[in-house]
């Protein structure tokens, strides 16, 4: 096999969804940080950051270009790229920075809102691939390899007490936790149930204001909420839109006029409905503009139909 450090084309191990926190002595638990998954190739002379789509992102985050100075041996790290504000990840700021292309603006942002790389695994240590070793061994190698500072941190683990860590994540309003089998190997590019993602989701009620057929099999619902007597656009939900609730929505009589004060951008092809059906949607967080991140349709409110 070609040397992994030289290849720089590794797809990270993927995480399975579960949904419910649990306690198990065969697992360790970590906080899940809301950022961008990246592999860090650090060889003693330079740092290369590559996201899960194999795109190089080092130039977007110049403050992380010296991570190799914080490691004791050549290695490949897996972790999360985050921008922290008041000790919590700010995903919106991370996205804003990821979209920048102007060098001067990038350098200014690096000083105003610097990113941090939080490493949680190691794939290559010194001159050896270590993906086949148990997670607990890799965690020890990770601690040996990394000297932490403000730009490079190592994710802490909690043994056995997944429920308690999940409650702590909820209290801190973090994304959730990840449960990992202690004996799990690192399977590159494969989604494994050895790693389980448990998200901290919110939910709220929204009016169904219309829908858009994206394909024959995929339909997005247009969501709205009232603020001070005015219907406000809250975006779309696609995930989970199916079943009897969905068919009930499709049976509603369309209206000719958009129920919002003006047609929201990207909704020119919508089928509009009178805003009377109320649905519940779970989501991770709201953007500054009130839109939902990772929304999932849970169904119509039976008491509102």
C-alpha atoms as a PDB file:
ATOM      1  CA  UNK A   1       0.000   0.000   0.000  1.00  0.00           C
ATOM      2  CA  UNK A   2       1.252   3.471  -0.828  1.00  0.00           C
ATOM      3  CA  UNK A   3       2.262   5.626   2.113  1.00  0.00           C
ATOM      4  CA  UNK A   4      -0.881   7.292   3.509  1.00  0.00           C
ATOM      5  CA  UNK A   5       0.929  10.465   4.479  1.00  0.00           C
ATOM      6  CA  UNK A   6       2.108  10.948   0.901  1.00  0.00           C
ATOM      7  CA  UNK A   7      -1.225   9.990  -0.714  1.00  0.00           C
ATOM      8  CA  UNK A   8      -3.405  12.684   0.852  1.00  0.00           C
ATOM      9  CA  UNK A   9      -6.624  11.208  -0.525  1.00  0.00           C
ATOM     10  CA  UNK A  10      -8.175   9.513   2.495  1.00  0.00           C
ATOM     11  CA  UNK A  11     -11.932   9.504   2.978  1.00  0.00           C
ATOM     12  CA  UNK A  12     -12.736   9.756   6.706  1.00  0.00           C
ATOM     13  CA  UNK A  13     -14.601   7.072   8.598  1.00  0.00           C
ATOM     14  CA  UNK A  14     -18.314   7.934   8.689  1.00  0.00           C
ATOM     15  CA  UNK A  15     -20.601   7.958  11.704  1.00  0.00           C
ATOM     16  CA  UNK A  16     -23.925   6.127  12.016  1.00  0.00           C
ATOM     17  CA  UNK A  17     -27.030   7.774  13.467  1.00  0.00           C
ATOM     18  CA  UNK A  18     -28.790   6.367  16.508  1.00  0.00           C
ATOM     19  CA  UNK A  19     -30.831   9.031  18.216  1.00  0.00           C
ATOM     20  CA  UNK A  20     -30.869   7.986  21.865  1.00  0.00           C
ATOM     21  CA  UNK A  21     -28.100   8.364  24.473  1.00  0.00           C
ATOM     22  CA  UNK A  22     -27.007   5.221  26.297  1.00  0.00           C
ATOM     23  CA  UNK A  23     -24.471   3.927  28.821  1.00  0.00           C
ATOM     24  CA  UNK A  24     -22.170   1.034  27.925  1.00  0.00           C
ATOM     25  CA  UNK A  25     -18.770   0.025  29.370  1.00  0.00           C
ATOM     26  CA  UNK A  26     -17.625  -1.022  25.881  1.00  0.00           C
ATOM     27  CA  UNK A  27     -17.929   2.553  24.581  1.00  0.00           C
ATOM     28  CA  UNK A  28     -16.266   5.896  25.091  1.00  0.00           C
ATOM     29  CA  UNK A  29     -18.161   9.136  24.525  1.00  0.00           C
ATOM     30  CA  UNK A  30     -17.099  12.494  23.099  1.00  0.00           C
ATOM     31  CA  UNK A  31     -18.758  15.835  22.522  1.00  0.00           C
ATOM     32  CA  UNK A  32     -19.753  16.382  18.898  1.00  0.00           C
ATOM     33  CA  UNK A  33     -18.556  19.761  17.692  1.00  0.00           C
ATOM     34  CA  UNK A  34     -20.495  21.633  15.030  1.00  0.00           C
ATOM     35  CA  UNK A  35     -17.870  22.315  12.378  1.00  0.00           C
ATOM     36  CA  UNK A  36     -16.285  20.878   9.250  1.00  0.00           C
ATOM     37  CA  UNK A  37     -14.774  17.405   9.285  1.00  0.00           C
ATOM     38  CA  UNK A  38     -11.149  17.551   8.149  1.00  0.00           C
ATOM     39  CA  UNK A  39      -8.094  15.364   7.981  1.00  0.00           C
ATOM     40  CA  UNK A  40      -4.824  17.061   8.900  1.00  0.00           C
ATOM     41  CA  UNK A  41      -1.677  15.767   7.184  1.00  0.00           C
ATOM     42  CA  UNK A  42       1.285  17.012   9.242  1.00  0.00           C
ATOM     43  CA  UNK A  43       4.781  15.877   8.325  1.00  0.00           C
ATOM     44  CA  UNK A  44       7.087  18.107  10.342  1.00  0.00           C
ATOM     45  CA  UNK A  45       7.498  20.649   7.540  1.00  0.00           C
ATOM     46  CA  UNK A  46       3.975  21.621   6.571  1.00  0.00           C
ATOM     47  CA  UNK A  47       0.288  21.214   7.331  1.00  0.00           C
ATOM     48  CA  UNK A  48      -2.337  20.147   4.790  1.00  0.00           C
ATOM     49  CA  UNK A  49      -6.027  20.300   5.727  1.00  0.00           C
ATOM     50  CA  UNK A  50      -8.451  18.331   3.559  1.00  0.00           C
ATOM     51  CA  UNK A  51     -12.213  18.110   4.039  1.00  0.00           C
ATOM     52  CA  UNK A  52     -14.387  15.054   3.534  1.00  0.00           C
ATOM     53  CA  UNK A  53     -14.910  15.966  -0.137  1.00  0.00           C
ATOM     54  CA  UNK A  54     -11.107  15.827  -0.570  1.00  0.00           C
ATOM     55  CA  UNK A  55     -10.913  19.598  -1.067  1.00  0.00           C
ATOM     56  CA  UNK A  56      -7.895  21.404   0.355  1.00  0.00           C
ATOM     57  CA  UNK A  57      -8.944  24.082   2.835  1.00  0.00           C
ATOM     58  CA  UNK A  58      -5.620  25.138   4.380  1.00  0.00           C
ATOM     59  CA  UNK A  59      -5.570  28.407   2.432  1.00  0.00           C
ATOM     60  CA  UNK A  60      -8.979  29.357   3.862  1.00  0.00           C
ATOM     61  CA  UNK A  61      -7.635  29.053   7.410  1.00  0.00           C
ATOM     62  CA  UNK A  62      -4.050  30.358   7.401  1.00  0.00           C
ATOM     63  CA  UNK A  63      -3.975  30.443  11.206  1.00  0.00           C
ATOM     64  CA  UNK A  64      -3.890  26.616  11.076  1.00  0.00           C
ATOM     65  CA  UNK A  65      -1.032  26.355   8.587  1.00  0.00           C
ATOM     66  CA  UNK A  66       1.501  25.767  11.383  1.00  0.00           C
ATOM     67  CA  UNK A  67      -0.163  22.816  13.104  1.00  0.00           C
ATOM     68  CA  UNK A  68       2.890  20.715  12.197  1.00  0.00           C
ATOM     69  CA  UNK A  69       4.846  22.726  14.773  1.00  0.00           C
ATOM     70  CA  UNK A  70       2.542  21.323  17.449  1.00  0.00           C
ATOM     71  CA  UNK A  71       3.063  17.625  16.685  1.00  0.00           C
ATOM     72  CA  UNK A  72       5.989  15.516  17.805  1.00  0.00           C
ATOM     73  CA  UNK A  73       5.996  13.054  14.881  1.00  0.00           C
ATOM     74  CA  UNK A  74       4.687  12.978  11.292  1.00  0.00           C
ATOM     75  CA  UNK A  75       1.047  11.948  11.491  1.00  0.00           C
ATOM     76  CA  UNK A  76      -2.438  12.102   9.987  1.00  0.00           C
ATOM     77  CA  UNK A  77      -5.134  13.418  12.301  1.00  0.00           C
ATOM     78  CA  UNK A  78      -8.905  13.241  11.981  1.00  0.00           C
ATOM     79  CA  UNK A  79     -10.900  15.997  13.579  1.00  0.00           C
ATOM     80  CA  UNK A  80     -13.281  18.911  13.372  1.00  0.00           C
ATOM     81  CA  UNK A  81     -12.506  22.401  12.143  1.00  0.00           C
ATOM     82  CA  UNK A  82     -14.456  24.896  14.255  1.00  0.00           C
ATOM     83  CA  UNK A  83     -14.718  28.612  14.916  1.00  0.00           C
ATOM     84  CA  UNK A  84     -15.418  29.188  18.596  1.00  0.00           C
ATOM     85  CA  UNK A  85     -17.367  32.117  20.008  1.00  0.00           C
ATOM     86  CA  UNK A  86     -17.842  32.304  23.766  1.00  0.00           C
ATOM     87  CA  UNK A  87     -16.549  28.747  23.991  1.00  0.00           C
ATOM     88  CA  UNK A  88     -19.121  27.302  21.555  1.00  0.00           C
ATOM     89  CA  UNK A  89     -18.807  26.463  17.849  1.00  0.00           C
ATOM     90  CA  UNK A  90     -20.252  29.104  15.519  1.00  0.00           C
ATOM     91  CA  UNK A  91     -21.151  27.166  12.376  1.00  0.00           C
ATOM     92  CA  UNK A  92     -22.405  30.240  10.549  1.00  0.00           C
ATOM     93  CA  UNK A  93     -19.058  31.974  10.942  1.00  0.00           C
ATOM     94  CA  UNK A  94     -17.250  28.829   9.785  1.00  0.00           C
ATOM     95  CA  UNK A  95     -19.375  28.715   6.620  1.00  0.00           C
ATOM     96  CA  UNK A  96     -18.765  32.421   6.016  1.00  0.00           C
ATOM     97  CA  UNK A  97     -15.029  31.881   6.236  1.00  0.00           C
ATOM     98  CA  UNK A  98     -15.140  28.769   4.056  1.00  0.00           C
ATOM     99  CA  UNK A  99     -16.715  30.785   1.228  1.00  0.00           C
ATOM    100  CA  UNK A 100     -14.075  33.518   1.253  1.00  0.00           C
ATOM    101  CA  UNK A 101     -11.642  33.814  -1.651  1.00  0.00           C
ATOM    102  CA  UNK A 102     -10.087  37.253  -1.145  1.00  0.00           C
ATOM    103  CA  UNK A 103      -6.697  36.817   0.542  1.00  0.00           C
ATOM    104  CA  UNK A 104      -6.894  40.067   2.503  1.00  0.00           C
ATOM    105  CA  UNK A 105     -10.366  39.237   3.847  1.00  0.00           C
ATOM    106  CA  UNK A 106      -9.211  35.708   4.737  1.00  0.00           C
ATOM    107  CA  UNK A 107      -6.246  37.040   6.693  1.00  0.00           C
ATOM    108  CA  UNK A 108      -8.423  39.598   8.483  1.00  0.00           C
ATOM    109  CA  UNK A 109     -10.979  36.915   9.427  1.00  0.00           C
ATOM    110  CA  UNK A 110      -8.180  34.649  10.673  1.00  0.00           C
ATOM    111  CA  UNK A 111      -7.332  37.329  13.228  1.00  0.00           C
ATOM    112  CA  UNK A 112     -10.886  38.350  14.097  1.00  0.00           C
ATOM    113  CA  UNK A 113     -12.470  34.870  14.266  1.00  0.00           C
ATOM    114  CA  UNK A 114      -9.650  32.298  14.304  1.00  0.00           C
ATOM    115  CA  UNK A 115     -10.442  28.636  13.756  1.00  0.00           C
ATOM    116  CA  UNK A 116      -9.384  25.729  15.955  1.00  0.00           C
ATOM    117  CA  UNK A 117      -8.705  22.151  14.901  1.00  0.00           C
ATOM    118  CA  UNK A 118     -10.062  19.618  17.408  1.00  0.00           C
ATOM    119  CA  UNK A 119      -8.408  16.241  16.782  1.00  0.00           C
ATOM    120  CA  UNK A 120     -10.250  13.098  17.845  1.00  0.00           C
ATOM    121  CA  UNK A 121      -8.354  10.311  16.048  1.00  0.00           C
ATOM    122  CA  UNK A 122      -5.028   9.451  14.454  1.00  0.00           C
ATOM    123  CA  UNK A 123      -4.566   7.324  11.317  1.00  0.00           C
ATOM    124  CA  UNK A 124      -0.803   7.485  10.861  1.00  0.00           C
ATOM    125  CA  UNK A 125       1.875   7.785  13.540  1.00  0.00           C
ATOM    126  CA  UNK A 126       5.539   8.400  12.743  1.00  0.00           C
ATOM    127  CA  UNK A 127       6.050   5.906   9.919  1.00  0.00           C
ATOM    128  CA  UNK A 128       3.141   3.513  10.467  1.00  0.00           C
ATOM    129  CA  UNK A 129      -0.511   3.288   9.478  1.00  0.00           C
ATOM    130  CA  UNK A 130      -2.440   2.684  12.707  1.00  0.00           C
ATOM    131  CA  UNK A 131      -6.033   2.453  11.419  1.00  0.00           C
ATOM    132  CA  UNK A 132      -6.210  -1.253  12.318  1.00  0.00           C
ATOM    133  CA  UNK A 133      -5.405  -0.690  15.966  1.00  0.00           C
ATOM    134  CA  UNK A 134      -8.190  -0.394  18.576  1.00  0.00           C
ATOM    135  CA  UNK A 135      -9.558   3.075  19.255  1.00  0.00           C
ATOM    136  CA  UNK A 136      -8.144   3.104  22.786  1.00  0.00           C
ATOM    137  CA  UNK A 137      -4.610   2.580  21.421  1.00  0.00           C
ATOM    138  CA  UNK A 138      -5.088   5.272  18.794  1.00  0.00           C
ATOM    139  CA  UNK A 139      -6.276   7.697  21.461  1.00  0.00           C
ATOM    140  CA  UNK A 140      -3.033   7.127  23.396  1.00  0.00           C
ATOM    141  CA  UNK A 141      -0.973   7.720  20.257  1.00  0.00           C
ATOM    142  CA  UNK A 142      -2.947  10.900  19.608  1.00  0.00           C
ATOM    143  CA  UNK A 143      -2.078  12.248  23.056  1.00  0.00           C
ATOM    144  CA  UNK A 144       1.592  11.399  22.489  1.00  0.00           C
ATOM    145  CA  UNK A 145       1.675  13.070  19.082  1.00  0.00           C
ATOM    146  CA  UNK A 146      -0.027  16.386  19.837  1.00  0.00           C
ATOM    147  CA  UNK A 147       1.088  19.377  21.876  1.00  0.00           C
ATOM    148  CA  UNK A 148      -2.085  21.384  22.412  1.00  0.00           C
ATOM    149  CA  UNK A 149      -2.370  25.139  22.027  1.00  0.00           C
ATOM    150  CA  UNK A 150      -5.118  27.633  21.114  1.00  0.00           C
ATOM    151  CA  UNK A 151      -5.312  26.397  17.503  1.00  0.00           C
ATOM    152  CA  UNK A 152      -4.939  22.643  18.102  1.00  0.00           C
ATOM    153  CA  UNK A 153      -6.867  20.679  20.716  1.00  0.00           C
ATOM    154  CA  UNK A 154      -7.497  17.005  21.469  1.00  0.00           C
ATOM    155  CA  UNK A 155     -11.073  15.860  22.051  1.00  0.00           C
ATOM    156  CA  UNK A 156     -11.637  14.531  25.577  1.00  0.00           C
ATOM    157  CA  UNK A 157     -13.419  11.234  26.184  1.00  0.00           C
ATOM    158  CA  UNK A 158     -15.813  10.064  28.880  1.00  0.00           C
ATOM    159  CA  UNK A 159     -16.053   6.365  29.667  1.00  0.00           C
ATOM    160  CA  UNK A 160     -19.369   4.547  30.167  1.00  0.00           C
ATOM    161  CA  UNK A 161     -21.527   7.592  31.055  1.00  0.00           C
ATOM    162  CA  UNK A 162     -23.055   8.522  27.717  1.00  0.00           C
ATOM    163  CA  UNK A 163     -26.341   9.777  29.147  1.00  0.00           C
ATOM    164  CA  UNK A 164     -24.622  12.186  31.520  1.00  0.00           C
ATOM    165  CA  UNK A 165     -22.424  13.578  28.741  1.00  0.00           C
ATOM    166  CA  UNK A 166     -25.447  14.002  26.477  1.00  0.00           C
ATOM    167  CA  UNK A 167     -27.261  15.967  29.187  1.00  0.00           C
ATOM    168  CA  UNK A 168     -24.166  18.125  29.592  1.00  0.00           C
ATOM    169  CA  UNK A 169     -24.122  18.728  25.817  1.00  0.00           C
ATOM    170  CA  UNK A 170     -27.778  19.785  25.944  1.00  0.00           C
ATOM    171  CA  UNK A 171     -27.102  22.125  28.854  1.00  0.00           C
ATOM    172  CA  UNK A 172     -24.230  23.726  26.916  1.00  0.00           C
ATOM    173  CA  UNK A 173     -26.405  23.862  23.776  1.00  0.00           C
ATOM    174  CA  UNK A 174     -23.875  21.815  21.790  1.00  0.00           C
ATOM    175  CA  UNK A 175     -24.591  19.619  18.771  1.00  0.00           C
ATOM    176  CA  UNK A 176     -24.618  16.330  20.704  1.00  0.00           C
ATOM    177  CA  UNK A 177     -22.241  13.450  21.377  1.00  0.00           C
ATOM    178  CA  UNK A 178     -20.579  10.548  19.566  1.00  0.00           C
ATOM    179  CA  UNK A 179     -20.385   7.063  21.089  1.00  0.00           C
ATOM    180  CA  UNK A 180     -17.456   4.911  19.922  1.00  0.00           C
ATOM    181  CA  UNK A 181     -16.619   1.305  20.625  1.00  0.00           C
ATOM    182  CA  UNK A 182     -13.329   1.044  22.489  1.00  0.00           C
ATOM    183  CA  UNK A 183     -12.110  -1.769  20.231  1.00  0.00           C
ATOM    184  CA  UNK A 184     -13.171  -0.145  16.933  1.00  0.00           C
ATOM    185  CA  UNK A 185     -10.705   0.066  14.075  1.00  0.00           C
ATOM    186  CA  UNK A 186     -10.701   3.042  11.700  1.00  0.00           C
ATOM    187  CA  UNK A 187     -12.502   2.086   8.477  1.00  0.00           C
ATOM    188  CA  UNK A 188     -11.699   4.745   5.886  1.00  0.00           C
ATOM    189  CA  UNK A 189     -14.690   5.956   3.859  1.00  0.00           C
ATOM    190  CA  UNK A 190     -17.075   3.479   5.501  1.00  0.00           C
ATOM    191  CA  UNK A 191     -20.094   4.286   7.676  1.00  0.00           C
ATOM    192  CA  UNK A 192     -19.772   2.051  10.709  1.00  0.00           C
ATOM    193  CA  UNK A 193     -22.082   1.399  13.646  1.00  0.00           C
ATOM    194  CA  UNK A 194     -18.968   1.282  15.810  1.00  0.00           C
ATOM    195  CA  UNK A 195     -19.336   5.069  15.908  1.00  0.00           C
ATOM    196  CA  UNK A 196     -22.798   6.421  16.725  1.00  0.00           C
ATOM    197  CA  UNK A 197     -23.913  10.041  16.470  1.00  0.00           C
ATOM    198  CA  UNK A 198     -26.482  11.245  19.019  1.00  0.00           C
ATOM    199  CA  UNK A 199     -27.694  14.750  18.213  1.00  0.00           C
ATOM    200  CA  UNK A 200     -29.230  17.347  20.454  1.00  0.00           C
ATOM    201  CA  UNK A 201     -32.224  18.526  18.412  1.00  0.00           C
ATOM    202  CA  UNK A 202     -34.825  21.190  19.049  1.00  0.00           C
ATOM    203  CA  UNK A 203     -38.376  21.170  17.709  1.00  0.00           C
ATOM    204  CA  UNK A 204     -41.040  23.753  16.976  1.00  0.00           C
ATOM    205  CA  UNK A 205     -44.376  24.170  15.199  1.00  0.00           C
ATOM    206  CA  UNK A 206     -44.677  25.752  11.742  1.00  0.00           C
ATOM    207  CA  UNK A 207     -47.464  26.505   9.290  1.00  0.00           C
ATOM    208  CA  UNK A 208     -47.341  24.567   6.037  1.00  0.00           C
ATOM    209  CA  UNK A 209     -47.478  27.378   3.480  1.00  0.00           C
ATOM    210  CA  UNK A 210     -46.873  25.346   0.341  1.00  0.00           C
ATOM    211  CA  UNK A 211     -44.679  22.708  -1.225  1.00  0.00           C
ATOM    212  CA  UNK A 212     -42.206  22.249  -4.055  1.00  0.00           C
ATOM    213  CA  UNK A 213     -41.808  19.031  -6.040  1.00  0.00           C
ATOM    214  CA  UNK A 214     -38.049  18.699  -6.495  1.00  0.00           C
ATOM    215  CA  UNK A 215     -38.275  15.287  -8.173  1.00  0.00           C
ATOM    216  CA  UNK A 216     -41.009  12.676  -8.547  1.00  0.00           C
ATOM    217  CA  UNK A 217     -39.928  11.195  -5.216  1.00  0.00           C
ATOM    218  CA  UNK A 218     -38.809  14.302  -3.296  1.00  0.00           C
ATOM    219  CA  UNK A 219     -41.011  17.137  -2.072  1.00  0.00           C
ATOM    220  CA  UNK A 220     -40.066  20.046   0.193  1.00  0.00           C
ATOM    221  CA  UNK A 221     -42.570  21.812   2.407  1.00  0.00           C
ATOM    222  CA  UNK A 222     -42.494  25.611   2.652  1.00  0.00           C
ATOM    223  CA  UNK A 223     -42.597  26.674   6.304  1.00  0.00           C
ATOM    224  CA  UNK A 224     -43.808  29.837   8.002  1.00  0.00           C
ATOM    225  CA  UNK A 225     -44.456  31.279  11.458  1.00  0.00           C
ATOM    226  CA  UNK A 226     -46.392  34.316  12.613  1.00  0.00           C
ATOM    227  CA  UNK A 227     -44.521  37.212  14.167  1.00  0.00           C
ATOM    228  CA  UNK A 228     -46.553  40.193  15.396  1.00  0.00           C
ATOM    229  CA  UNK A 229     -49.408  39.172  13.123  1.00  0.00           C
ATOM    230  CA  UNK A 230     -47.268  38.769  10.003  1.00  0.00           C
ATOM    231  CA  UNK A 231     -46.463  35.440   8.352  1.00  0.00           C
ATOM    232  CA  UNK A 232     -42.670  35.039   8.177  1.00  0.00           C
ATOM    233  CA  UNK A 233     -40.881  32.613   5.848  1.00  0.00           C
ATOM    234  CA  UNK A 234     -38.794  29.971   7.685  1.00  0.00           C
ATOM    235  CA  UNK A 235     -37.402  27.963   4.797  1.00  0.00           C
ATOM    236  CA  UNK A 236     -38.028  24.379   3.687  1.00  0.00           C
ATOM    237  CA  UNK A 237     -38.074  20.907   5.180  1.00  0.00           C
ATOM    238  CA  UNK A 238     -37.472  17.844   2.999  1.00  0.00           C
ATOM    239  CA  UNK A 239     -36.204  15.107   5.314  1.00  0.00           C
ATOM    240  CA  UNK A 240     -39.046  12.976   6.684  1.00  0.00           C
ATOM    241  CA  UNK A 241     -41.727  14.369   4.341  1.00  0.00           C
ATOM    242  CA  UNK A 242     -43.752  11.231   3.639  1.00  0.00           C
ATOM    243  CA  UNK A 243     -46.607   9.116   4.964  1.00  0.00           C
ATOM    244  CA  UNK A 244     -50.181  10.070   5.747  1.00  0.00           C
ATOM    245  CA  UNK A 245     -49.330  13.570   6.948  1.00  0.00           C
ATOM    246  CA  UNK A 246     -47.712  14.295   3.593  1.00  0.00           C
ATOM    247  CA  UNK A 247     -50.661  12.887   1.639  1.00  0.00           C
ATOM    248  CA  UNK A 248     -53.031  14.978   3.753  1.00  0.00           C
ATOM    249  CA  UNK A 249     -51.060  18.080   2.748  1.00  0.00           C
ATOM    250  CA  UNK A 250     -51.242  17.132  -0.935  1.00  0.00           C
ATOM    251  CA  UNK A 251     -55.035  16.859  -0.675  1.00  0.00           C
ATOM    252  CA  UNK A 252     -55.339  20.522   0.346  1.00  0.00           C
ATOM    253  CA  UNK A 253     -56.695  22.934  -2.251  1.00  0.00           C
ATOM    254  CA  UNK A 254     -53.946  25.240  -3.601  1.00  0.00           C
ATOM    255  CA  UNK A 255     -54.349  29.003  -3.535  1.00  0.00           C
ATOM    256  CA  UNK A 256     -53.347  31.392  -6.315  1.00  0.00           C
ATOM    257  CA  UNK A 257     -51.416  33.896  -4.212  1.00  0.00           C
ATOM    258  CA  UNK A 258     -48.290  33.442  -2.115  1.00  0.00           C
ATOM    259  CA  UNK A 259     -49.310  33.737   1.588  1.00  0.00           C
ATOM    260  CA  UNK A 260     -46.171  35.745   2.406  1.00  0.00           C
ATOM    261  CA  UNK A 261     -45.896  39.476   1.754  1.00  0.00           C
ATOM    262  CA  UNK A 262     -43.665  38.599  -1.197  1.00  0.00           C
ATOM    263  CA  UNK A 263     -42.495  35.376  -2.814  1.00  0.00           C
ATOM    264  CA  UNK A 264     -39.360  34.231  -0.949  1.00  0.00           C
ATOM    265  CA  UNK A 265     -36.290  33.754  -3.084  1.00  0.00           C
ATOM    266  CA  UNK A 266     -36.057  30.270  -4.605  1.00  0.00           C
ATOM    267  CA  UNK A 267     -39.796  29.572  -4.289  1.00  0.00           C
ATOM    268  CA  UNK A 268     -41.063  30.639  -7.718  1.00  0.00           C
ATOM    269  CA  UNK A 269     -42.258  27.110  -8.512  1.00  0.00           C
ATOM    270  CA  UNK A 270     -44.067  26.504  -5.226  1.00  0.00           C
ATOM    271  CA  UNK A 271     -47.639  25.283  -4.915  1.00  0.00           C
ATOM    272  CA  UNK A 272     -49.084  27.661  -2.316  1.00  0.00           C
ATOM    273  CA  UNK A 273     -51.500  26.684   0.458  1.00  0.00           C
ATOM    274  CA  UNK A 274     -53.561  28.678   2.911  1.00  0.00           C
ATOM    275  CA  UNK A 275     -51.493  28.602   6.134  1.00  0.00           C
ATOM    276  CA  UNK A 276     -53.770  26.555   8.370  1.00  0.00           C
ATOM    277  CA  UNK A 277     -52.063  23.158   8.730  1.00  0.00           C
ATOM    278  CA  UNK A 278     -49.478  23.084  11.517  1.00  0.00           C
ATOM    279  CA  UNK A 279     -46.549  20.666  11.494  1.00  0.00           C
ATOM    280  CA  UNK A 280     -43.784  19.850  13.954  1.00  0.00           C
ATOM    281  CA  UNK A 281     -40.204  20.039  12.705  1.00  0.00           C
ATOM    282  CA  UNK A 282     -37.078  19.047  14.617  1.00  0.00           C
ATOM    283  CA  UNK A 283     -33.827  20.822  13.865  1.00  0.00           C
ATOM    284  CA  UNK A 284     -30.365  21.464  15.201  1.00  0.00           C
ATOM    285  CA  UNK A 285     -30.412  25.244  15.428  1.00  0.00           C
ATOM    286  CA  UNK A 286     -31.760  28.437  13.886  1.00  0.00           C
ATOM    287  CA  UNK A 287     -29.647  30.766  11.803  1.00  0.00           C
ATOM    288  CA  UNK A 288     -29.507  34.483  12.569  1.00  0.00           C
ATOM    289  CA  UNK A 289     -32.285  34.908   9.992  1.00  0.00           C
ATOM    290  CA  UNK A 290     -34.517  32.323  11.660  1.00  0.00           C
ATOM    291  CA  UNK A 291     -33.942  29.509   9.158  1.00  0.00           C
ATOM    292  CA  UNK A 292     -33.525  25.925  10.324  1.00  0.00           C
ATOM    293  CA  UNK A 293     -30.393  23.816  10.150  1.00  0.00           C
ATOM    294  CA  UNK A 294     -30.830  20.066   9.498  1.00  0.00           C
ATOM    295  CA  UNK A 295     -34.657  20.187   9.720  1.00  0.00           C
ATOM    296  CA  UNK A 296     -36.642  16.940   9.893  1.00  0.00           C
ATOM    297  CA  UNK A 297     -40.416  16.786   9.372  1.00  0.00           C
ATOM    298  CA  UNK A 298     -42.037  14.978  12.320  1.00  0.00           C
ATOM    299  CA  UNK A 299     -45.671  15.179  11.175  1.00  0.00           C
ATOM    300  CA  UNK A 300     -48.801  17.315  11.349  1.00  0.00           C
ATOM    301  CA  UNK A 301     -50.149  18.413  14.705  1.00  0.00           C
ATOM    302  CA  UNK A 302     -53.253  16.265  15.138  1.00  0.00           C
ATOM    303  CA  UNK A 303     -54.799  18.910  17.400  1.00  0.00           C
ATOM    304  CA  UNK A 304     -54.309  21.562  14.702  1.00  0.00           C
ATOM    305  CA  UNK A 305     -55.750  19.743  11.656  1.00  0.00           C
END
